[in-house]
Amino acid sequence: MDVTELMATAVLGFGTGLALIVAIGSQNAFVLRQGIRGEHVAAVVLVCGVSDALLIAAGIAGVGALIEASPVVVLVARYAGAGFLVVYGAMAARRAISPGALPGSGDQKALRAGAAISTVLALTWLNPHVYLDTVLLLGSVANQQTQDLRWWFGGGAIAASIAWFSALGFGGRILRPFFTRPSSWRLLDGLIAVMMLTLGVRLAVVG
């Protein structure tokens, strides 16, 4: 098979994956917050990258068709995800009312590694849209390619996910000087609270 065709398919997968991943959502907001605080960034980015890789591979392998045939899976994920988003949004609202600052420059309590990992796992796997977008949509587009090319497409999409979360997490340190002030955290956590609560209610009511 021509190398140019392989690379073109991988680039197509990269662009498609990036278009779906780069959006203001609960997962991205959490990764950015951890990046700004400099807490367990590598672990959080790794969890996001591995999770997306597994979901994309599952979609290409045909799991997306099974999910589509069993709406109850998406329904359970929908309400579980909605509940988690509302709770996390309430926690962010509480932080906004009593903001802290970066570790070492204020009183804001650092998030433990286990808590950070469990939170990002929940934000990823309890989000029904990840099954619709990453598994069903990306899986469907990938399977429009030939048998050999579909995994090159998936590889490109996985590379896009890893690149995006790495940029979001490790690039957050650029914003650290701005977030040495409690008022900056009040703004960020306030925005996160509004977004999480809105997404949670929308997910429960609209789907």
C-alpha atoms as a PDB file:
ATOM      1  CA  MET A   1       0.000   0.000   0.000  1.00  0.00           C
ATOM      2  CA  ASP A   2       1.256   3.484  -0.857  1.00  0.00           C
ATOM      3  CA  VAL A   3       2.882   5.315   2.069  1.00  0.00           C
ATOM      4  CA  THR A   4       1.282   8.583   0.980  1.00  0.00           C
ATOM      5  CA  GLU A   5      -2.165   7.017   1.241  1.00  0.00           C
ATOM      6  CA  LEU A   6      -1.391   5.689   4.711  1.00  0.00           C
ATOM      7  CA  MET A   7      -0.175   9.068   5.928  1.00  0.00           C
ATOM      8  CA  ALA A   8      -3.130  10.897   4.341  1.00  0.00           C
ATOM      9  CA  THR A   9      -5.531   8.569   6.160  1.00  0.00           C
ATOM     10  CA  ALA A  10      -3.693   9.110   9.457  1.00  0.00           C
ATOM     11  CA  VAL A  11      -3.828  12.891   8.970  1.00  0.00           C
ATOM     12  CA  LEU A  12      -7.566  12.627   8.231  1.00  0.00           C
ATOM     13  CA  GLY A  13      -8.005  10.679  11.461  1.00  0.00           C
ATOM     14  CA  PHE A  14      -5.947  13.269  13.350  1.00  0.00           C
ATOM     15  CA  GLY A  15      -8.088  16.140  12.054  1.00  0.00           C
ATOM     16  CA  THR A  16     -11.366  14.341  12.691  1.00  0.00           C
ATOM     17  CA  GLY A  17     -10.326  13.355  16.199  1.00  0.00           C
ATOM     18  CA  LEU A  18      -9.145  16.864  17.016  1.00  0.00           C
ATOM     19  CA  ALA A  19     -12.422  18.364  15.773  1.00  0.00           C
ATOM     20  CA  LEU A  20     -14.365  16.171  18.218  1.00  0.00           C
ATOM     21  CA  ILE A  21     -12.008  16.554  21.187  1.00  0.00           C
ATOM     22  CA  VAL A  22     -11.320  20.310  21.089  1.00  0.00           C
ATOM     23  CA  ALA A  23     -14.504  21.578  22.700  1.00  0.00           C
ATOM     24  CA  ILE A  24     -15.339  23.180  26.029  1.00  0.00           C
ATOM     25  CA  GLY A  25     -16.407  20.256  28.166  1.00  0.00           C
ATOM     26  CA  SER A  26     -16.135  18.873  31.676  1.00  0.00           C
ATOM     27  CA  GLN A  27     -13.110  16.693  30.916  1.00  0.00           C
ATOM     28  CA  ASN A  28     -11.164  19.494  29.229  1.00  0.00           C
ATOM     29  CA  ALA A  29     -12.004  21.908  32.044  1.00  0.00           C
ATOM     30  CA  PHE A  30     -10.670  19.492  34.658  1.00  0.00           C
ATOM     31  CA  VAL A  31      -7.452  18.795  32.716  1.00  0.00           C
ATOM     32  CA  LEU A  32      -6.881  22.540  32.334  1.00  0.00           C
ATOM     33  CA  ARG A  33      -7.441  23.133  36.040  1.00  0.00           C
ATOM     34  CA  GLN A  34      -4.959  20.425  36.978  1.00  0.00           C
ATOM     35  CA  GLY A  35      -2.481  21.867  34.489  1.00  0.00           C
ATOM     36  CA  ILE A  36      -2.771  25.338  35.987  1.00  0.00           C
ATOM     37  CA  ARG A  37      -2.308  23.971  39.503  1.00  0.00           C
ATOM     38  CA  GLY A  38       0.502  21.650  38.394  1.00  0.00           C
ATOM     39  CA  GLU A  39      -1.067  18.687  40.220  1.00  0.00           C
ATOM     40  CA  HIS A  40      -0.727  15.129  38.872  1.00  0.00           C
ATOM     41  CA  VAL A  41      -0.724  16.460  35.306  1.00  0.00           C
ATOM     42  CA  ALA A  42       1.107  13.491  33.778  1.00  0.00           C
ATOM     43  CA  ALA A  43      -1.283  10.989  35.396  1.00  0.00           C
ATOM     44  CA  VAL A  44      -4.378  12.921  34.322  1.00  0.00           C
ATOM     45  CA  VAL A  45      -3.123  13.346  30.744  1.00  0.00           C
ATOM     46  CA  LEU A  46      -2.188   9.651  30.601  1.00  0.00           C
ATOM     47  CA  VAL A  47      -5.647   8.568  31.787  1.00  0.00           C
ATOM     48  CA  CYS A  48      -7.323  10.767  29.171  1.00  0.00           C
ATOM     49  CA  GLY A  49      -5.054   9.547  26.376  1.00  0.00           C
ATOM     50  CA  VAL A  50      -5.364   5.849  27.245  1.00  0.00           C
ATOM     51  CA  SER A  51      -9.142   6.151  27.709  1.00  0.00           C
ATOM     52  CA  ASP A  52      -9.586   7.775  24.306  1.00  0.00           C
ATOM     53  CA  ALA A  53      -7.305   5.185  22.700  1.00  0.00           C
ATOM     54  CA  LEU A  54      -9.421   2.360  24.151  1.00  0.00           C
ATOM     55  CA  LEU A  55     -12.684   4.025  23.104  1.00  0.00           C
ATOM     56  CA  ILE A  56     -11.471   4.738  19.566  1.00  0.00           C
ATOM     57  CA  ALA A  57     -10.133   1.198  19.167  1.00  0.00           C
ATOM     58  CA  ALA A  58     -13.433  -0.188  20.467  1.00  0.00           C
ATOM     59  CA  GLY A  59     -15.364   1.886  17.935  1.00  0.00           C
ATOM     60  CA  ILE A  60     -13.195   0.647  15.072  1.00  0.00           C
ATOM     61  CA  ALA A  61     -13.475  -2.940  16.296  1.00  0.00           C
ATOM     62  CA  GLY A  62     -17.266  -2.718  16.133  1.00  0.00           C
ATOM     63  CA  VAL A  63     -18.297  -2.118  19.743  1.00  0.00           C
ATOM     64  CA  GLY A  64     -20.093   1.026  18.568  1.00  0.00           C
ATOM     65  CA  ALA A  65     -22.636  -1.114  16.737  1.00  0.00           C
ATOM     66  CA  LEU A  66     -23.339  -3.038  19.956  1.00  0.00           C
ATOM     67  CA  ILE A  67     -23.879   0.172  21.919  1.00  0.00           C
ATOM     68  CA  GLU A  68     -26.190   1.473  19.203  1.00  0.00           C
ATOM     69  CA  ALA A  69     -28.208  -1.752  19.438  1.00  0.00           C
ATOM     70  CA  SER A  70     -28.458  -1.452  23.253  1.00  0.00           C
ATOM     71  CA  PRO A  71     -29.764   2.050  24.107  1.00  0.00           C
ATOM     72  CA  VAL A  72     -29.929   1.133  27.811  1.00  0.00           C
ATOM     73  CA  VAL A  73     -26.117   1.416  28.005  1.00  0.00           C
ATOM     74  CA  VAL A  74     -26.210   5.022  26.827  1.00  0.00           C
ATOM     75  CA  LEU A  75     -29.236   5.731  29.077  1.00  0.00           C
ATOM     76  CA  VAL A  76     -27.471   4.511  32.220  1.00  0.00           C
ATOM     77  CA  ALA A  77     -24.346   6.481  31.332  1.00  0.00           C
ATOM     78  CA  ARG A  78     -26.503   9.537  30.682  1.00  0.00           C
ATOM     79  CA  TYR A  79     -28.082   9.730  34.141  1.00  0.00           C
ATOM     80  CA  ALA A  80     -24.951   8.639  35.990  1.00  0.00           C
ATOM     81  CA  GLY A  81     -22.975  11.281  34.115  1.00  0.00           C
ATOM     82  CA  ALA A  82     -25.603  13.943  34.772  1.00  0.00           C
ATOM     83  CA  GLY A  83     -25.527  13.234  38.509  1.00  0.00           C
ATOM     84  CA  PHE A  84     -21.749  13.366  38.636  1.00  0.00           C
ATOM     85  CA  LEU A  85     -21.609  16.655  36.710  1.00  0.00           C
ATOM     86  CA  VAL A  86     -24.135  18.295  39.047  1.00  0.00           C
ATOM     87  CA  VAL A  87     -22.183  17.185  42.136  1.00  0.00           C
ATOM     88  CA  TYR A  88     -18.863  18.323  40.664  1.00  0.00           C
ATOM     89  CA  GLY A  89     -20.458  21.619  39.602  1.00  0.00           C
ATOM     90  CA  ALA A  90     -21.680  22.190  43.157  1.00  0.00           C
ATOM     91  CA  MET A  91     -18.156  21.531  44.451  1.00  0.00           C
ATOM     92  CA  ALA A  92     -16.727  24.046  41.965  1.00  0.00           C
ATOM     93  CA  ALA A  93     -19.348  26.595  43.052  1.00  0.00           C
ATOM     94  CA  ARG A  94     -18.283  26.089  46.656  1.00  0.00           C
ATOM     95  CA  ARG A  95     -14.646  26.687  45.694  1.00  0.00           C
ATOM     96  CA  ALA A  96     -15.678  29.845  43.831  1.00  0.00           C
ATOM     97  CA  ILE A  97     -17.338  31.211  46.968  1.00  0.00           C
ATOM     98  CA  SER A  98     -14.200  30.507  49.034  1.00  0.00           C
ATOM     99  CA  PRO A  99     -11.372  30.631  46.498  1.00  0.00           C
ATOM    100  CA  GLY A 100      -7.798  29.650  47.199  1.00  0.00           C
ATOM    101  CA  ALA A 101      -4.680  30.083  45.118  1.00  0.00           C
ATOM    102  CA  LEU A 102      -1.918  27.936  43.693  1.00  0.00           C
ATOM    103  CA  PRO A 103      -0.244  25.441  46.044  1.00  0.00           C
ATOM    104  CA  GLY A 104       2.356  27.254  48.081  1.00  0.00           C
ATOM    105  CA  SER A 105       0.761  30.651  47.511  1.00  0.00           C
ATOM    106  CA  GLY A 106      -2.528  30.214  49.323  1.00  0.00           C
ATOM    107  CA  ASP A 107      -4.730  27.898  51.349  1.00  0.00           C
ATOM    108  CA  GLN A 108      -6.446  25.939  48.578  1.00  0.00           C
ATOM    109  CA  LYS A 109      -6.182  22.239  49.387  1.00  0.00           C
ATOM    110  CA  ALA A 110      -4.261  20.117  46.896  1.00  0.00           C
ATOM    111  CA  LEU A 111      -6.125  17.261  45.237  1.00  0.00           C
ATOM    112  CA  ARG A 112      -4.653  13.845  45.965  1.00  0.00           C
ATOM    113  CA  ALA A 113      -3.480  11.670  43.072  1.00  0.00           C
ATOM    114  CA  GLY A 114      -6.200   9.069  43.649  1.00  0.00           C
ATOM    115  CA  ALA A 115      -8.907  11.715  43.735  1.00  0.00           C
ATOM    116  CA  ALA A 116      -7.606  13.381  40.578  1.00  0.00           C
ATOM    117  CA  ILE A 117      -7.465  10.092  38.680  1.00  0.00           C
ATOM    118  CA  SER A 118     -10.902   8.925  39.855  1.00  0.00           C
ATOM    119  CA  THR A 119     -12.384  12.295  38.918  1.00  0.00           C
ATOM    120  CA  VAL A 120     -10.985  12.305  35.389  1.00  0.00           C
ATOM    121  CA  LEU A 121     -12.038   8.655  34.953  1.00  0.00           C
ATOM    122  CA  ALA A 122     -15.595   9.569  35.937  1.00  0.00           C
ATOM    123  CA  LEU A 123     -15.634  12.653  33.708  1.00  0.00           C
ATOM    124  CA  THR A 124     -14.490  10.454  30.812  1.00  0.00           C
ATOM    125  CA  TRP A 125     -16.363   7.180  31.196  1.00  0.00           C
ATOM    126  CA  LEU A 126     -19.612   8.541  32.676  1.00  0.00           C
ATOM    127  CA  ASN A 127     -20.028  10.936  29.768  1.00  0.00           C
ATOM    128  CA  PRO A 128     -22.510   9.388  27.295  1.00  0.00           C
ATOM    129  CA  HIS A 129     -21.355  11.761  24.569  1.00  0.00           C
ATOM    130  CA  VAL A 130     -17.990  10.028  24.561  1.00  0.00           C
ATOM    131  CA  TYR A 131     -19.721   6.846  23.412  1.00  0.00           C
ATOM    132  CA  LEU A 132     -21.712   8.683  20.782  1.00  0.00           C
ATOM    133  CA  ASP A 133     -18.821  10.782  19.452  1.00  0.00           C
ATOM    134  CA  THR A 134     -15.663   8.785  20.086  1.00  0.00           C
ATOM    135  CA  VAL A 135     -17.036   5.257  19.740  1.00  0.00           C
ATOM    136  CA  LEU A 136     -19.961   5.521  17.322  1.00  0.00           C
ATOM    137  CA  LEU A 137     -19.024   8.530  15.193  1.00  0.00           C
ATOM    138  CA  LEU A 138     -15.266   8.021  14.962  1.00  0.00           C
ATOM    139  CA  GLY A 139     -15.774   4.270  14.656  1.00  0.00           C
ATOM    140  CA  SER A 140     -18.228   4.748  11.799  1.00  0.00           C
ATOM    141  CA  VAL A 141     -15.954   7.168   9.929  1.00  0.00           C
ATOM    142  CA  ALA A 142     -12.940   4.887  10.454  1.00  0.00           C
ATOM    143  CA  ASN A 143     -14.838   1.883   9.123  1.00  0.00           C
ATOM    144  CA  GLN A 144     -15.643   3.770   5.930  1.00  0.00           C
ATOM    145  CA  GLN A 145     -11.968   3.289   5.117  1.00  0.00           C
ATOM    146  CA  THR A 146     -10.676   0.014   3.735  1.00  0.00           C
ATOM    147  CA  GLN A 147      -9.858  -2.820   6.134  1.00  0.00           C
ATOM    148  CA  ASP A 148      -6.163  -1.857   6.231  1.00  0.00           C
ATOM    149  CA  LEU A 149      -6.632   1.914   6.361  1.00  0.00           C
ATOM    150  CA  ARG A 150      -9.181   2.073   9.175  1.00  0.00           C
ATOM    151  CA  TRP A 151      -6.501   1.476  11.848  1.00  0.00           C
ATOM    152  CA  TRP A 152      -4.318   4.196  10.344  1.00  0.00           C
ATOM    153  CA  PHE A 153      -7.305   6.522  10.688  1.00  0.00           C
ATOM    154  CA  GLY A 154      -7.739   5.387  14.290  1.00  0.00           C
ATOM    155  CA  GLY A 155      -4.044   5.904  14.969  1.00  0.00           C
ATOM    156  CA  GLY A 156      -4.314   9.468  13.746  1.00  0.00           C
ATOM    157  CA  ALA A 157      -7.350  10.099  15.977  1.00  0.00           C
ATOM    158  CA  ILE A 158      -5.523   8.647  19.009  1.00  0.00           C
ATOM    159  CA  ALA A 159      -2.492  10.856  18.262  1.00  0.00           C
ATOM    160  CA  ALA A 160      -4.811  13.887  18.172  1.00  0.00           C
ATOM    161  CA  SER A 161      -6.211  13.004  21.592  1.00  0.00           C
ATOM    162  CA  ILE A 162      -2.771  12.581  23.146  1.00  0.00           C
ATOM    163  CA  ALA A 163      -1.520  15.819  21.575  1.00  0.00           C
ATOM    164  CA  TRP A 164      -4.544  17.815  22.748  1.00  0.00           C
ATOM    165  CA  PHE A 165      -4.582  16.629  26.349  1.00  0.00           C
ATOM    166  CA  SER A 166      -0.807  17.042  26.610  1.00  0.00           C
ATOM    167  CA  ALA A 167      -1.075  20.627  25.353  1.00  0.00           C
ATOM    168  CA  LEU A 168      -3.984  21.370  27.688  1.00  0.00           C
ATOM    169  CA  GLY A 169      -2.395  19.833  30.766  1.00  0.00           C
ATOM    170  CA  PHE A 170       1.261  20.729  30.390  1.00  0.00           C
ATOM    171  CA  GLY A 171       0.474  24.079  28.745  1.00  0.00           C
ATOM    172  CA  GLY A 172      -1.584  25.131  31.756  1.00  0.00           C
ATOM    173  CA  ARG A 173       1.608  26.200  33.550  1.00  0.00           C
ATOM    174  CA  ILE A 174       1.751  29.229  31.237  1.00  0.00           C
ATOM    175  CA  LEU A 175      -1.304  30.558  33.073  1.00  0.00           C
ATOM    176  CA  ARG A 176       0.132  29.960  36.558  1.00  0.00           C
ATOM    177  CA  PRO A 177       1.200  33.598  37.171  1.00  0.00           C
ATOM    178  CA  PHE A 178      -2.370  34.756  36.524  1.00  0.00           C
ATOM    179  CA  PHE A 179      -3.762  32.202  38.967  1.00  0.00           C
ATOM    180  CA  THR A 180      -1.631  33.221  41.929  1.00  0.00           C
ATOM    181  CA  ARG A 181      -4.532  35.484  42.900  1.00  0.00           C
ATOM    182  CA  PRO A 182      -7.627  34.027  44.652  1.00  0.00           C
ATOM    183  CA  SER A 183      -9.872  36.191  42.441  1.00  0.00           C
ATOM    184  CA  SER A 184      -8.588  34.335  39.373  1.00  0.00           C
ATOM    185  CA  TRP A 185      -9.589  31.006  40.896  1.00  0.00           C
ATOM    186  CA  ARG A 186     -12.978  32.486  41.793  1.00  0.00           C
ATOM    187  CA  LEU A 187     -13.481  33.287  38.109  1.00  0.00           C
ATOM    188  CA  LEU A 188     -12.257  29.894  36.836  1.00  0.00           C
ATOM    189  CA  ASP A 189     -14.200  27.819  39.362  1.00  0.00           C
ATOM    190  CA  GLY A 190     -17.276  29.984  38.809  1.00  0.00           C
ATOM    191  CA  LEU A 191     -17.127  29.297  35.081  1.00  0.00           C
ATOM    192  CA  ILE A 192     -16.524  25.588  35.687  1.00  0.00           C
ATOM    193  CA  ALA A 193     -19.479  25.453  38.100  1.00  0.00           C
ATOM    194  CA  VAL A 194     -21.829  27.094  35.588  1.00  0.00           C
ATOM    195  CA  MET A 195     -20.623  24.806  32.802  1.00  0.00           C
ATOM    196  CA  MET A 196     -20.819  21.587  34.853  1.00  0.00           C
ATOM    197  CA  LEU A 197     -24.250  22.368  36.266  1.00  0.00           C
ATOM    198  CA  THR A 198     -25.571  23.394  32.845  1.00  0.00           C
ATOM    199  CA  LEU A 199     -24.197  20.246  31.202  1.00  0.00           C
ATOM    200  CA  GLY A 200     -25.532  18.046  34.002  1.00  0.00           C
ATOM    201  CA  VAL A 201     -29.055  19.474  33.886  1.00  0.00           C
ATOM    202  CA  ARG A 202     -29.066  19.460  30.085  1.00  0.00           C
ATOM    203  CA  LEU A 203     -27.897  15.856  30.050  1.00  0.00           C
ATOM    204  CA  ALA A 204     -30.610  14.752  32.471  1.00  0.00           C
ATOM    205  CA  VAL A 205     -33.435  16.671  30.795  1.00  0.00           C
ATOM    206  CA  VAL A 206     -32.534  16.777  27.108  1.00  0.00           C
ATOM    207  CA  GLY A 207     -29.982  13.967  26.696  1.00  0.00           C
END
